[in-house]
PDB file of N, CA and C in Angstrom:
ATOM      1  N   UNK A   1      95.001 115.548  80.055  1.00  0.00           N
ATOM      2  CA  UNK A   1      94.390 116.170  81.363  1.00  0.00           C
ATOM      3  C   UNK A   1      94.355 115.123  82.622  1.00  0.00           C
ATOM      4  N   UNK A   2      95.291 115.532  83.356  1.00  0.00           N
ATOM      5  CA  UNK A   2      95.583 115.148  85.080  1.00  0.00           C
ATOM      6  C   UNK A   2      94.610 115.322  85.281  1.00  0.00           C
ATOM      7  N   UNK A   3      94.421 114.122  86.558  1.00  0.00           N
ATOM      8  CA  UNK A   3      93.134 114.319  87.275  1.00  0.00           C
ATOM      9  C   UNK A   3      93.569 114.287  89.008  1.00  0.00           C
ATOM     10  N   UNK A   4      94.496 115.263  89.145  1.00  0.00           N
ATOM     11  CA  UNK A   4      95.016 115.229  90.710  1.00  0.00           C
ATOM     12  C   UNK A   4      93.889 115.164  91.485  1.00  0.00           C
ATOM     13  N   UNK A   5      94.017 114.880  92.731  1.00  0.00           N
ATOM     14  CA  UNK A   5      93.032 114.631  93.806  1.00  0.00           C
ATOM     15  C   UNK A   5      93.941 114.998  94.976  1.00  0.00           C
ATOM     16  N   UNK A   6      93.331 115.659  95.759  1.00  0.00           N
ATOM     17  CA  UNK A   6      94.304 115.646  97.568  1.00  0.00           C
ATOM     18  C   UNK A   6      94.218 114.330  98.409  1.00  0.00           C
ATOM     19  N   UNK A   7      95.388 114.037  98.395  1.00  0.00           N
ATOM     20  CA  UNK A   7      95.419 112.634  99.384  1.00  0.00           C
ATOM     21  C   UNK A   7      95.794 113.125 100.415  1.00  0.00           C
ATOM     22  N   UNK A   8      96.127 113.959 101.027  1.00  0.00           N
ATOM     23  CA  UNK A   8      96.663 114.660 102.624  1.00  0.00           C
ATOM     24  C   UNK A   8      97.619 115.968 102.415  1.00  0.00           C
ATOM     25  N   UNK A   9      97.761 116.207 103.720  1.00  0.00           N
ATOM     26  CA  UNK A   9      98.803 117.629 103.806  1.00  0.00           C
ATOM     27  C   UNK A   9     100.063 116.997 103.668  1.00  0.00           C
ATOM     28  N   UNK A  10     101.453 117.480 103.233  1.00  0.00           N
ATOM     29  CA  UNK A  10     102.560 117.152 103.486  1.00  0.00           C
ATOM     30  C   UNK A  10     102.811 116.618 104.766  1.00  0.00           C
ATOM     31  N   UNK A  11     102.681 118.086 105.722  1.00  0.00           N
ATOM     32  CA  UNK A  11     102.839 117.701 107.257  1.00  0.00           C
ATOM     33  C   UNK A  11     102.149 116.157 107.712  1.00  0.00           C
ATOM     34  N   UNK A  12     101.285 115.367 107.156  1.00  0.00           N
ATOM     35  CA  UNK A  12     100.783 114.527 107.329  1.00  0.00           C
ATOM     36  C   UNK A  12     102.289 113.325 107.216  1.00  0.00           C
ATOM     37  N   UNK A  13     102.944 113.561 106.370  1.00  0.00           N
ATOM     38  CA  UNK A  13     103.784 112.692 106.168  1.00  0.00           C
ATOM     39  C   UNK A  13     105.055 112.522 106.845  1.00  0.00           C
ATOM     40  N   UNK A  14     105.770 111.299 107.848  1.00  0.00           N
ATOM     41  CA  UNK A  14     107.132 111.728 108.350  1.00  0.00           C
ATOM     42  C   UNK A  14     107.794 111.175 107.117  1.00  0.00           C
ATOM     43  N   UNK A  15     109.332 111.417 107.176  1.00  0.00           N
ATOM     44  CA  UNK A  15     110.267 111.111 106.441  1.00  0.00           C
ATOM     45  C   UNK A  15     110.526 109.807 106.694  1.00  0.00           C
ATOM     46  N   UNK A  16     110.603 109.032 105.100  1.00  0.00           N
ATOM     47  CA  UNK A  16     110.697 107.609 105.425  1.00  0.00           C
ATOM     48  C   UNK A  16     109.525 106.650 105.875  1.00  0.00           C
ATOM     49  N   UNK A  17     108.569 107.229 106.353  1.00  0.00           N
ATOM     50  CA  UNK A  17     107.551 106.282 106.783  1.00  0.00           C
ATOM     51  C   UNK A  17     106.389 106.292 105.890  1.00  0.00           C
ATOM     52  N   UNK A  18     105.918 104.467 106.023  1.00  0.00           N
ATOM     53  CA  UNK A  18     104.875 104.274 104.552  1.00  0.00           C
ATOM     54  C   UNK A  18     103.767 104.943 105.338  1.00  0.00           C
ATOM     55  N   UNK A  19     102.385 105.785 104.789  1.00  0.00           N
ATOM     56  CA  UNK A  19     101.599 106.168 104.815  1.00  0.00           C
ATOM     57  C   UNK A  19     100.200 105.942 103.813  1.00  0.00           C
ATOM     58  N   UNK A  20      99.246 105.181 104.324  1.00  0.00           N
ATOM     59  CA  UNK A  20      98.170 104.737 103.756  1.00  0.00           C
ATOM     60  C   UNK A  20      96.954 105.533 103.797  1.00  0.00           C
ATOM     61  N   UNK A  21      96.348 105.739 102.248  1.00  0.00           N
ATOM     62  CA  UNK A  21      95.401 106.550 102.100  1.00  0.00           C
ATOM     63  C   UNK A  21      94.679 105.982 100.476  1.00  0.00           C
ATOM     64  N   UNK A  22      93.236 106.631 100.769  1.00  0.00           N
ATOM     65  CA  UNK A  22      92.380 106.506  99.605  1.00  0.00           C
ATOM     66  C   UNK A  22      92.621 107.625  98.803  1.00  0.00           C
ATOM     67  N   UNK A  23      92.573 107.295  97.357  1.00  0.00           N
ATOM     68  CA  UNK A  23      92.413 108.507  96.873  1.00  0.00           C
ATOM     69  C   UNK A  23      91.158 107.952  95.482  1.00  0.00           C
ATOM     70  N   UNK A  24      90.247 108.373  94.902  1.00  0.00           N
ATOM     71  CA  UNK A  24      89.481 108.122  94.480  1.00  0.00           C
ATOM     72  C   UNK A  24      88.479 106.524  94.374  1.00  0.00           C
ATOM     73  N   UNK A  25      88.782 106.116  95.411  1.00  0.00           N
ATOM     74  CA  UNK A  25      88.524 105.170  96.010  1.00  0.00           C
ATOM     75  C   UNK A  25      89.687 104.053  95.420  1.00  0.00           C
ATOM     76  N   UNK A  26      91.087 104.157  95.144  1.00  0.00           N
ATOM     77  CA  UNK A  26      92.021 103.717  94.923  1.00  0.00           C
ATOM     78  C   UNK A  26      92.742 103.323  96.491  1.00  0.00           C
ATOM     79  N   UNK A  27      93.370 102.380  96.730  1.00  0.00           N
ATOM     80  CA  UNK A  27      94.222 102.595  98.171  1.00  0.00           C
ATOM     81  C   UNK A  27      95.596 102.566  97.211  1.00  0.00           C
ATOM     82  N   UNK A  28      96.177 103.610  98.213  1.00  0.00           N
ATOM     83  CA  UNK A  28      97.601 104.707  97.897  1.00  0.00           C
ATOM     84  C   UNK A  28      98.363 104.470  99.218  1.00  0.00           C
ATOM     85  N   UNK A  29      99.782 103.972  98.693  1.00  0.00           N
ATOM     86  CA  UNK A  29     100.592 104.313  99.881  1.00  0.00           C
ATOM     87  C   UNK A  29     101.793 105.530  99.290  1.00  0.00           C
ATOM     88  N   UNK A  30     101.673 106.452 100.043  1.00  0.00           N
ATOM     89  CA  UNK A  30     102.613 107.585 100.069  1.00  0.00           C
ATOM     90  C   UNK A  30     103.971 107.419 100.823  1.00  0.00           C
ATOM     91  N   UNK A  31     105.010 107.486 100.387  1.00  0.00           N
ATOM     92  CA  UNK A  31     106.014 107.454 101.113  1.00  0.00           C
ATOM     93  C   UNK A  31     106.543 108.817 100.976  1.00  0.00           C
ATOM     94  N   UNK A  32     107.248 109.717 101.668  1.00  0.00           N
ATOM     95  CA  UNK A  32     107.845 111.165 101.456  1.00  0.00           C
ATOM     96  C   UNK A  32     109.766 110.789 101.907  1.00  0.00           C
ATOM     97  N   UNK A  33     110.490 111.515 101.334  1.00  0.00           N
ATOM     98  CA  UNK A  33     111.841 111.337 101.056  1.00  0.00           C
ATOM     99  C   UNK A  33     112.405 112.920 101.073  1.00  0.00           C
ATOM    100  N   UNK A  34     112.730 113.501 102.100  1.00  0.00           N
ATOM    101  CA  UNK A  34     112.697 114.615 102.168  1.00  0.00           C
ATOM    102  C   UNK A  34     111.710 115.694 101.166  1.00  0.00           C
ATOM    103  N   UNK A  35     112.115 116.387 100.075  1.00  0.00           N
ATOM    104  CA  UNK A  35     111.312 116.812  99.730  1.00  0.00           C
ATOM    105  C   UNK A  35     110.299 115.895  98.918  1.00  0.00           C
ATOM    106  N   UNK A  36     110.425 114.979  98.185  1.00  0.00           N
ATOM    107  CA  UNK A  36     109.981 114.319  97.537  1.00  0.00           C
ATOM    108  C   UNK A  36     108.663 113.154  97.960  1.00  0.00           C
ATOM    109  N   UNK A  37     107.985 113.358  97.047  1.00  0.00           N
ATOM    110  CA  UNK A  37     106.712 112.094  97.967  1.00  0.00           C
ATOM    111  C   UNK A  37     106.170 111.357  96.569  1.00  0.00           C
ATOM    112  N   UNK A  38     106.274 109.767  96.991  1.00  0.00           N
ATOM    113  CA  UNK A  38     106.387 108.812  96.081  1.00  0.00           C
ATOM    114  C   UNK A  38     105.006 108.166  96.484  1.00  0.00           C
ATOM    115  N   UNK A  39     104.056 107.714  95.362  1.00  0.00           N
ATOM    116  CA  UNK A  39     102.702 107.290  95.326  1.00  0.00           C
ATOM    117  C   UNK A  39     102.607 106.128  94.744  1.00  0.00           C
ATOM    118  N   UNK A  40     102.497 104.885  95.200  1.00  0.00           N
ATOM    119  CA  UNK A  40     101.933 103.756  94.541  1.00  0.00           C
ATOM    120  C   UNK A  40     100.907 102.826  95.114  1.00  0.00           C
ATOM    121  N   UNK A  41     100.327 101.989  94.254  1.00  0.00           N
ATOM    122  CA  UNK A  41      99.211 101.210  94.574  1.00  0.00           C
ATOM    123  C   UNK A  41      99.606 100.415  95.843  1.00  0.00           C
ATOM    124  N   UNK A  42      98.487 100.745  96.863  1.00  0.00           N
ATOM    125  CA  UNK A  42      99.038 100.045  98.319  1.00  0.00           C
ATOM    126  C   UNK A  42      98.587  98.490  98.268  1.00  0.00           C
ATOM    127  N   UNK A  43      99.304  97.800  97.297  1.00  0.00           N
ATOM    128  CA  UNK A  43      98.822  96.274  97.044  1.00  0.00           C
ATOM    129  C   UNK A  43     100.199  95.474  96.806  1.00  0.00           C
ATOM    130  N   UNK A  44     100.772  94.783  97.241  1.00  0.00           N
ATOM    131  CA  UNK A  44     101.499  93.641  97.091  1.00  0.00           C
ATOM    132  C   UNK A  44     101.327  93.222  95.835  1.00  0.00           C
ATOM    133  N   UNK A  45     102.215  92.928  94.617  1.00  0.00           N
ATOM    134  CA  UNK A  45     101.569  92.204  93.574  1.00  0.00           C
ATOM    135  C   UNK A  45     101.751  90.642  93.596  1.00  0.00           C
ATOM    136  N   UNK A  46     102.734  90.144  94.288  1.00  0.00           N
ATOM    137  CA  UNK A  46     102.820  88.832  94.910  1.00  0.00           C
ATOM    138  C   UNK A  46     101.637  88.062  95.501  1.00  0.00           C
ATOM    139  N   UNK A  47     101.172  88.922  96.830  1.00  0.00           N
ATOM    140  CA  UNK A  47     100.256  88.585  97.808  1.00  0.00           C
ATOM    141  C   UNK A  47      98.786  89.341  97.959  1.00  0.00           C
ATOM    142  N   UNK A  48      98.840  90.493  97.269  1.00  0.00           N
ATOM    143  CA  UNK A  48      97.963  91.137  97.414  1.00  0.00           C
ATOM    144  C   UNK A  48      97.647  92.021  98.905  1.00  0.00           C
ATOM    145  N   UNK A  49      98.318  92.308  99.611  1.00  0.00           N
ATOM    146  CA  UNK A  49      98.500  92.778 101.099  1.00  0.00           C
ATOM    147  C   UNK A  49      99.088  94.035 100.774  1.00  0.00           C
ATOM    148  N   UNK A  50      98.733  94.834 102.148  1.00  0.00           N
ATOM    149  CA  UNK A  50      99.052  96.152 101.805  1.00  0.00           C
ATOM    150  C   UNK A  50     100.317  96.248 102.230  1.00  0.00           C
ATOM    151  N   UNK A  51     101.109  97.165 101.381  1.00  0.00           N
ATOM    152  CA  UNK A  51     102.010  97.811 101.297  1.00  0.00           C
ATOM    153  C   UNK A  51     102.665  98.471 102.344  1.00  0.00           C
ATOM    154  N   UNK A  52     101.831  99.503 102.425  1.00  0.00           N
ATOM    155  CA  UNK A  52     102.036 100.106 103.856  1.00  0.00           C
ATOM    156  C   UNK A  52     101.815  99.840 105.255  1.00  0.00           C
ATOM    157  N   UNK A  53     101.915  98.339 105.386  1.00  0.00           N
ATOM    158  CA  UNK A  53     102.054  97.744 106.404  1.00  0.00           C
ATOM    159  C   UNK A  53     103.707  97.683 106.719  1.00  0.00           C
ATOM    160  N   UNK A  54     104.210  97.731 105.477  1.00  0.00           N
ATOM    161  CA  UNK A  54     105.717  97.160 105.544  1.00  0.00           C
ATOM    162  C   UNK A  54     106.702  98.202 105.858  1.00  0.00           C
ATOM    163  N   UNK A  55     108.041  98.297 105.815  1.00  0.00           N
ATOM    164  CA  UNK A  55     109.239  99.174 105.926  1.00  0.00           C
ATOM    165  C   UNK A  55     109.737  99.519 104.803  1.00  0.00           C
ATOM    166  N   UNK A  56     110.553 100.893 104.778  1.00  0.00           N
ATOM    167  CA  UNK A  56     111.005 101.562 104.063  1.00  0.00           C
ATOM    168  C   UNK A  56     112.080 101.209 104.199  1.00  0.00           C
ATOM    169  N   UNK A  57     113.086 100.613 102.830  1.00  0.00           N
ATOM    170  CA  UNK A  57     114.434 100.218 103.269  1.00  0.00           C
ATOM    171  C   UNK A  57     115.251 101.158 102.131  1.00  0.00           C
ATOM    172  N   UNK A  58     116.435 100.967 102.031  1.00  0.00           N
ATOM    173  CA  UNK A  58     117.439 101.361 101.139  1.00  0.00           C
ATOM    174  C   UNK A  58     117.072 100.822  99.527  1.00  0.00           C
ATOM    175  N   UNK A  59     116.267  99.664  99.682  1.00  0.00           N
ATOM    176  CA  UNK A  59     116.047  99.194  98.298  1.00  0.00           C
ATOM    177  C   UNK A  59     114.232  99.655  97.942  1.00  0.00           C
ATOM    178  N   UNK A  60     113.791 100.249  98.851  1.00  0.00           N
ATOM    179  CA  UNK A  60     112.378 101.135  98.399  1.00  0.00           C
ATOM    180  C   UNK A  60     111.327 100.666  99.852  1.00  0.00           C
ATOM    181  N   UNK A  61     110.162  99.839  99.494  1.00  0.00           N
ATOM    182  CA  UNK A  61     109.221  99.517 100.173  1.00  0.00           C
ATOM    183  C   UNK A  61     109.065  97.850 100.304  1.00  0.00           C
ATOM    184  N   UNK A  62     109.343  97.482 101.593  1.00  0.00           N
ATOM    185  CA  UNK A  62     109.151  96.236 101.589  1.00  0.00           C
ATOM    186  C   UNK A  62     108.363  95.199 102.174  1.00  0.00           C
ATOM    187  N   UNK A  63     107.571  94.540 101.447  1.00  0.00           N
ATOM    188  CA  UNK A  63     106.280  93.853 101.691  1.00  0.00           C
ATOM    189  C   UNK A  63     106.662  93.017 103.184  1.00  0.00           C
ATOM    190  N   UNK A  64     105.501  93.288 104.314  1.00  0.00           N
ATOM    191  CA  UNK A  64     106.017  92.441 105.248  1.00  0.00           C
ATOM    192  C   UNK A  64     105.651  91.351 105.758  1.00  0.00           C
ATOM    193  N   UNK A  65     104.985  90.606 104.700  1.00  0.00           N
ATOM    194  CA  UNK A  65     104.824  88.935 104.648  1.00  0.00           C
ATOM    195  C   UNK A  65     105.628  88.272 103.976  1.00  0.00           C
ATOM    196  N   UNK A  66     106.245  88.263 102.860  1.00  0.00           N
ATOM    197  CA  UNK A  66     107.412  87.460 102.297  1.00  0.00           C
ATOM    198  C   UNK A  66     108.441  88.448 102.272  1.00  0.00           C
ATOM    199  N   UNK A  67     108.495  89.441 101.974  1.00  0.00           N
ATOM    200  CA  UNK A  67     109.889  90.303 102.050  1.00  0.00           C
ATOM    201  C   UNK A  67     110.108  90.792 100.541  1.00  0.00           C
ATOM    202  N   UNK A  68     109.058  90.652  99.388  1.00  0.00           N
ATOM    203  CA  UNK A  68     109.129  91.131  98.572  1.00  0.00           C
ATOM    204  C   UNK A  68     109.502  92.719  98.547  1.00  0.00           C
ATOM    205  N   UNK A  69     110.454  93.314  97.647  1.00  0.00           N
ATOM    206  CA  UNK A  69     110.911  94.730  97.800  1.00  0.00           C
ATOM    207  C   UNK A  69     110.458  95.489  96.504  1.00  0.00           C
ATOM    208  N   UNK A  70     109.842  96.868  96.519  1.00  0.00           N
ATOM    209  CA  UNK A  70     109.242  97.329  95.613  1.00  0.00           C
ATOM    210  C   UNK A  70     110.165  98.722  95.310  1.00  0.00           C
ATOM    211  N   UNK A  71     110.816  99.241  94.194  1.00  0.00           N
ATOM    212  CA  UNK A  71     111.385 100.615  94.056  1.00  0.00           C
ATOM    213  C   UNK A  71     110.288 101.669  94.315  1.00  0.00           C
ATOM    214  N   UNK A  72     110.519 102.973  94.734  1.00  0.00           N
ATOM    215  CA  UNK A  72     109.615 103.737  95.426  1.00  0.00           C
ATOM    216  C   UNK A  72     109.258 104.071  93.989  1.00  0.00           C
ATOM    217  N   UNK A  73     110.440 104.747  93.000  1.00  0.00           N
ATOM    218  CA  UNK A  73     110.170 105.395  91.989  1.00  0.00           C
ATOM    219  C   UNK A  73     109.700 104.686  90.738  1.00  0.00           C
ATOM    220  N   UNK A  74     109.421 103.390  90.453  1.00  0.00           N
ATOM    221  CA  UNK A  74     109.421 102.508  89.133  1.00  0.00           C
ATOM    222  C   UNK A  74     108.439 101.518  89.856  1.00  0.00           C
ATOM    223  N   UNK A  75     107.968 101.255  90.624  1.00  0.00           N
ATOM    224  CA  UNK A  75     107.418  99.997  91.075  1.00  0.00           C
ATOM    225  C   UNK A  75     107.956  98.589  90.935  1.00  0.00           C
ATOM    226  N   UNK A  76     109.159  98.621  90.467  1.00  0.00           N
ATOM    227  CA  UNK A  76     109.690  97.368  89.893  1.00  0.00           C
ATOM    228  C   UNK A  76     110.258  96.514  91.019  1.00  0.00           C
ATOM    229  N   UNK A  77     109.650  95.583  91.039  1.00  0.00           N
ATOM    230  CA  UNK A  77     110.405  94.305  92.180  1.00  0.00           C
ATOM    231  C   UNK A  77     111.803  94.485  92.195  1.00  0.00           C
ATOM    232  N   UNK A  78     112.219  94.411  93.120  1.00  0.00           N
ATOM    233  CA  UNK A  78     113.866  93.977  93.385  1.00  0.00           C
ATOM    234  C   UNK A  78     114.357  92.864  94.349  1.00  0.00           C
ATOM    235  N   UNK A  79     113.417  92.160  94.608  1.00  0.00           N
ATOM    236  CA  UNK A  79     113.695  91.140  95.456  1.00  0.00           C
ATOM    237  C   UNK A  79     112.411  90.292  95.436  1.00  0.00           C
ATOM    238  N   UNK A  80     112.710  88.669  95.395  1.00  0.00           N
ATOM    239  CA  UNK A  80     111.530  88.045  95.034  1.00  0.00           C
ATOM    240  C   UNK A  80     110.431  87.825  96.536  1.00  0.00           C
ATOM    241  N   UNK A  81     109.765  87.263  96.859  1.00  0.00           N
ATOM    242  CA  UNK A  81     108.769  86.544  95.589  1.00  0.00           C
ATOM    243  C   UNK A  81     108.228  87.012  94.383  1.00  0.00           C
ATOM    244  N   UNK A  82     107.920  88.325  94.805  1.00  0.00           N
ATOM    245  CA  UNK A  82     107.539  89.217  93.637  1.00  0.00           C
ATOM    246  C   UNK A  82     108.180  89.469  92.216  1.00  0.00           C
ATOM    247  N   UNK A  83     107.558  89.051  91.614  1.00  0.00           N
ATOM    248  CA  UNK A  83     107.920  89.501  89.658  1.00  0.00           C
ATOM    249  C   UNK A  83     107.569  90.361  88.985  1.00  0.00           C
ATOM    250  N   UNK A  84     106.363  91.064  89.469  1.00  0.00           N
ATOM    251  CA  UNK A  84     105.353  91.656  88.874  1.00  0.00           C
ATOM    252  C   UNK A  84     105.334  93.196  89.512  1.00  0.00           C
ATOM    253  N   UNK A  85     105.616  94.261  88.717  1.00  0.00           N
ATOM    254  CA  UNK A  85     105.702  95.445  89.780  1.00  0.00           C
ATOM    255  C   UNK A  85     104.204  96.003  90.090  1.00  0.00           C
ATOM    256  N   UNK A  86     104.755  97.390  91.003  1.00  0.00           N
ATOM    257  CA  UNK A  86     103.196  97.779  91.240  1.00  0.00           C
ATOM    258  C   UNK A  86     103.191  98.936  90.729  1.00  0.00           C
ATOM    259  N   UNK A  87     101.939  99.222  90.523  1.00  0.00           N
ATOM    260  CA  UNK A  87     101.556 100.984  89.869  1.00  0.00           C
ATOM    261  C   UNK A  87     102.090 102.118  90.763  1.00  0.00           C
ATOM    262  N   UNK A  88     102.701 102.871  89.953  1.00  0.00           N
ATOM    263  CA  UNK A  88     103.239 104.160  90.431  1.00  0.00           C
ATOM    264  C   UNK A  88     102.245 105.279  90.089  1.00  0.00           C
ATOM    265  N   UNK A  89     101.842 106.012  90.834  1.00  0.00           N
ATOM    266  CA  UNK A  89     101.282 107.372  90.220  1.00  0.00           C
ATOM    267  C   UNK A  89     101.957 108.413  90.409  1.00  0.00           C
ATOM    268  N   UNK A  90     101.280 109.421  89.621  1.00  0.00           N
ATOM    269  CA  UNK A  90     102.027 110.824  89.215  1.00  0.00           C
ATOM    270  C   UNK A  90     101.104 111.577  90.782  1.00  0.00           C
ATOM    271  N   UNK A  91     102.544 112.785  91.077  1.00  0.00           N
ATOM    272  CA  UNK A  91     102.202 113.132  92.617  1.00  0.00           C
ATOM    273  C   UNK A  91     102.604 114.585  92.086  1.00  0.00           C
ATOM    274  N   UNK A  92     101.955 115.561  92.569  1.00  0.00           N
ATOM    275  CA  UNK A  92     102.205 116.952  92.770  1.00  0.00           C
ATOM    276  C   UNK A  92     102.038 117.433  94.462  1.00  0.00           C
ATOM    277  N   UNK A  93     102.795 118.622  94.912  1.00  0.00           N
ATOM    278  CA  UNK A  93     102.673 119.286  95.912  1.00  0.00           C
ATOM    279  C   UNK A  93     102.617 120.500  95.533  1.00  0.00           C
ATOM    280  N   UNK A  94     100.911 120.709  95.946  1.00  0.00           N
ATOM    281  CA  UNK A  94     100.616 122.108  95.598  1.00  0.00           C
ATOM    282  C   UNK A  94     100.033 122.915  97.352  1.00  0.00           C
ATOM    283  N   UNK A  95     100.653 123.995  97.667  1.00  0.00           N
ATOM    284  CA  UNK A  95      99.650 124.721  98.993  1.00  0.00           C
ATOM    285  C   UNK A  95     100.118 124.125  99.873  1.00  0.00           C
ATOM    286  N   UNK A  96     101.054 122.845 100.396  1.00  0.00           N
ATOM    287  CA  UNK A  96     101.447 122.297 101.271  1.00  0.00           C
ATOM    288  C   UNK A  96     100.563 120.905 101.269  1.00  0.00           C
ATOM    289  N   UNK A  97     100.044 120.586  99.868  1.00  0.00           N
ATOM    290  CA  UNK A  97      99.118 119.422 100.016  1.00  0.00           C
ATOM    291  C   UNK A  97      99.823 118.656  99.113  1.00  0.00           C
ATOM    292  N   UNK A  98      99.320 117.533  99.370  1.00  0.00           N
ATOM    293  CA  UNK A  98      99.899 116.393  98.330  1.00  0.00           C
ATOM    294  C   UNK A  98      98.743 115.579  97.416  1.00  0.00           C
ATOM    295  N   UNK A  99      98.885 115.793  96.144  1.00  0.00           N
ATOM    296  CA  UNK A  99      97.881 115.454  95.147  1.00  0.00           C
ATOM    297  C   UNK A  99      98.708 114.600  94.381  1.00  0.00           C
ATOM    298  N   UNK A 100      97.276 113.648  93.900  1.00  0.00           N
ATOM    299  CA  UNK A 100      98.146 112.295  93.336  1.00  0.00           C
ATOM    300  C   UNK A 100      96.782 111.780  92.058  1.00  0.00           C
ATOM    301  N   UNK A 101      97.297 111.478  91.007  1.00  0.00           N
ATOM    302  CA  UNK A 101      96.274 111.060  89.899  1.00  0.00           C
ATOM    303  C   UNK A 101      96.387 109.502  89.870  1.00  0.00           C
ATOM    304  N   UNK A 102      95.916 109.136  90.337  1.00  0.00           N
ATOM    305  CA  UNK A 102      95.209 107.538  90.474  1.00  0.00           C
ATOM    306  C   UNK A 102      94.953 106.976  89.022  1.00  0.00           C
ATOM    307  N   UNK A 103      94.651 107.546  88.021  1.00  0.00           N
ATOM    308  CA  UNK A 103      94.168 107.161  86.724  1.00  0.00           C
ATOM    309  C   UNK A 103      95.500 107.231  85.978  1.00  0.00           C
ATOM    310  N   UNK A 104      96.657 107.823  86.377  1.00  0.00           N
ATOM    311  CA  UNK A 104      98.052 107.672  85.716  1.00  0.00           C
ATOM    312  C   UNK A 104      99.237 106.933  85.768  1.00  0.00           C
ATOM    313  N   UNK A 105      99.244 105.875  85.459  1.00  0.00           N
ATOM    314  CA  UNK A 105     100.044 104.768  86.276  1.00  0.00           C
ATOM    315  C   UNK A 105     101.122 104.384  85.361  1.00  0.00           C
ATOM    316  N   UNK A 106     102.370 104.120  85.907  1.00  0.00           N
ATOM    317  CA  UNK A 106     103.706 103.685  84.886  1.00  0.00           C
ATOM    318  C   UNK A 106     103.416 102.100  84.848  1.00  0.00           C
ATOM    319  N   UNK A 107     102.620 101.559  85.141  1.00  0.00           N
ATOM    320  CA  UNK A 107     102.814  99.847  85.195  1.00  0.00           C
ATOM    321  C   UNK A 107     101.596  99.460  85.098  1.00  0.00           C
TER     322      UNK A 107
END
Protein backbone atom coordinates (compact mmCIF):
# COMPACT_ATOMS: atom_id res chain seq x y z
CA UNK A 1 0.00 0.00 0.00
CA UNK A 2 1.42 3.37 -0.98
CA UNK A 3 1.07 6.40 1.22
CA UNK A 4 0.99 9.19 -1.33
CA UNK A 5 0.77 12.69 0.11
CA UNK A 6 0.25 15.89 -1.83
CA UNK A 7 3.54 17.78 -2.15
CA UNK A 8 2.54 20.71 -4.40
CA UNK A 9 0.75 21.68 -7.59
CA UNK A 10 2.52 20.63 -10.79
CA UNK A 11 2.41 24.28 -11.87
CA UNK A 12 4.57 25.18 -8.83
CA UNK A 13 7.50 23.42 -10.50
CA UNK A 14 9.63 25.14 -13.14
CA UNK A 15 11.23 22.76 -15.62
CA UNK A 16 14.79 21.90 -14.57
CA UNK A 17 14.72 23.93 -11.33
CA UNK A 18 15.06 22.38 -7.86
CA UNK A 19 12.08 22.84 -5.55
CA UNK A 20 12.16 22.11 -1.80
CA UNK A 21 9.09 20.89 0.04
CA UNK A 22 8.32 18.97 3.21
CA UNK A 23 6.18 15.85 2.87
CA UNK A 24 4.99 14.09 6.02
CA UNK A 25 7.86 15.66 7.95
CA UNK A 26 10.55 14.65 5.43
CA UNK A 27 12.64 17.13 3.40
CA UNK A 28 12.00 16.44 -0.28
CA UNK A 29 13.64 17.81 -3.41
CA UNK A 30 11.41 17.88 -6.49
CA UNK A 31 12.69 18.40 -10.03
CA UNK A 32 10.39 18.61 -13.04
CA UNK A 33 11.77 17.50 -16.39
CA UNK A 34 9.05 17.90 -18.98
CA UNK A 35 6.10 15.81 -17.86
CA UNK A 36 8.21 13.80 -15.38
CA UNK A 37 8.82 14.75 -11.76
CA UNK A 38 11.63 13.29 -9.65
CA UNK A 39 11.60 13.24 -5.83
CA UNK A 40 14.71 12.74 -3.72
CA UNK A 41 15.58 13.26 -0.07
CA UNK A 42 16.68 16.90 0.11
CA UNK A 43 19.94 16.07 1.84
CA UNK A 44 23.38 15.44 0.37
CA UNK A 45 24.73 12.08 1.54
CA UNK A 46 28.21 13.57 1.85
CA UNK A 47 27.70 16.77 3.83
CA UNK A 48 24.03 16.63 4.95
CA UNK A 49 23.24 19.89 3.13
CA UNK A 50 20.09 20.79 1.24
CA UNK A 51 20.38 19.59 -2.36
CA UNK A 52 17.58 21.94 -3.41
CA UNK A 53 20.05 24.82 -3.07
CA UNK A 54 22.14 23.19 -5.81
CA UNK A 55 21.82 23.20 -9.56
CA UNK A 56 20.27 20.74 -11.99
CA UNK A 57 22.85 19.65 -14.58
CA UNK A 58 23.03 17.01 -17.32
CA UNK A 59 24.26 14.57 -14.65
CA UNK A 60 21.49 15.29 -12.10
CA UNK A 61 21.39 17.54 -9.05
CA UNK A 62 24.71 19.03 -8.00
CA UNK A 63 25.36 19.88 -4.35
CA UNK A 64 26.30 23.53 -4.03
CA UNK A 65 29.12 23.03 -1.52
CA UNK A 66 31.44 20.26 -2.73
CA UNK A 67 30.00 19.53 -6.20
CA UNK A 68 28.76 15.99 -5.62
CA UNK A 69 26.17 15.13 -8.25
CA UNK A 70 23.26 12.69 -7.82
CA UNK A 71 21.20 10.97 -10.53
CA UNK A 72 17.60 12.18 -10.35
CA UNK A 73 16.18 8.72 -11.17
CA UNK A 74 18.33 6.53 -8.93
CA UNK A 75 19.88 8.85 -6.33
CA UNK A 76 23.31 7.37 -7.13
CA UNK A 77 26.29 9.70 -6.85
CA UNK A 78 28.06 10.33 -10.15
CA UNK A 79 30.89 12.49 -8.86
CA UNK A 80 32.90 12.72 -5.64
CA UNK A 81 33.18 13.39 -2.84
CA UNK A 82 29.82 11.64 -2.20
CA UNK A 83 29.97 7.85 -2.32
CA UNK A 84 26.52 6.99 -0.89
CA UNK A 85 23.23 7.47 -2.78
CA UNK A 86 20.35 9.64 -1.60
CA UNK A 87 16.85 8.23 -1.19
CA UNK A 88 14.50 8.45 -4.16
CA UNK A 89 10.75 8.53 -3.52
CA UNK A 90 7.80 7.32 -5.56
CA UNK A 91 5.90 10.11 -7.36
CA UNK A 92 2.43 10.33 -8.90
CA UNK A 93 0.83 13.25 -10.70
CA UNK A 94 -2.94 13.35 -10.14
CA UNK A 95 -5.40 16.06 -11.03
CA UNK A 96 -2.60 18.60 -11.52
CA UNK A 97 -0.96 17.85 -8.17
CA UNK A 98 2.32 16.10 -7.33
CA UNK A 99 2.01 13.32 -4.75
CA UNK A 100 5.01 11.70 -3.06
CA UNK A 101 5.36 8.57 -0.94
CA UNK A 102 8.24 9.18 1.48
CA UNK A 103 7.85 5.68 2.95
CA UNK A 104 8.84 3.99 -0.31
CA UNK A 105 12.50 4.66 -1.04
CA UNK A 106 14.86 3.05 -3.50
CA UNK A 107 17.97 3.39 -1.32
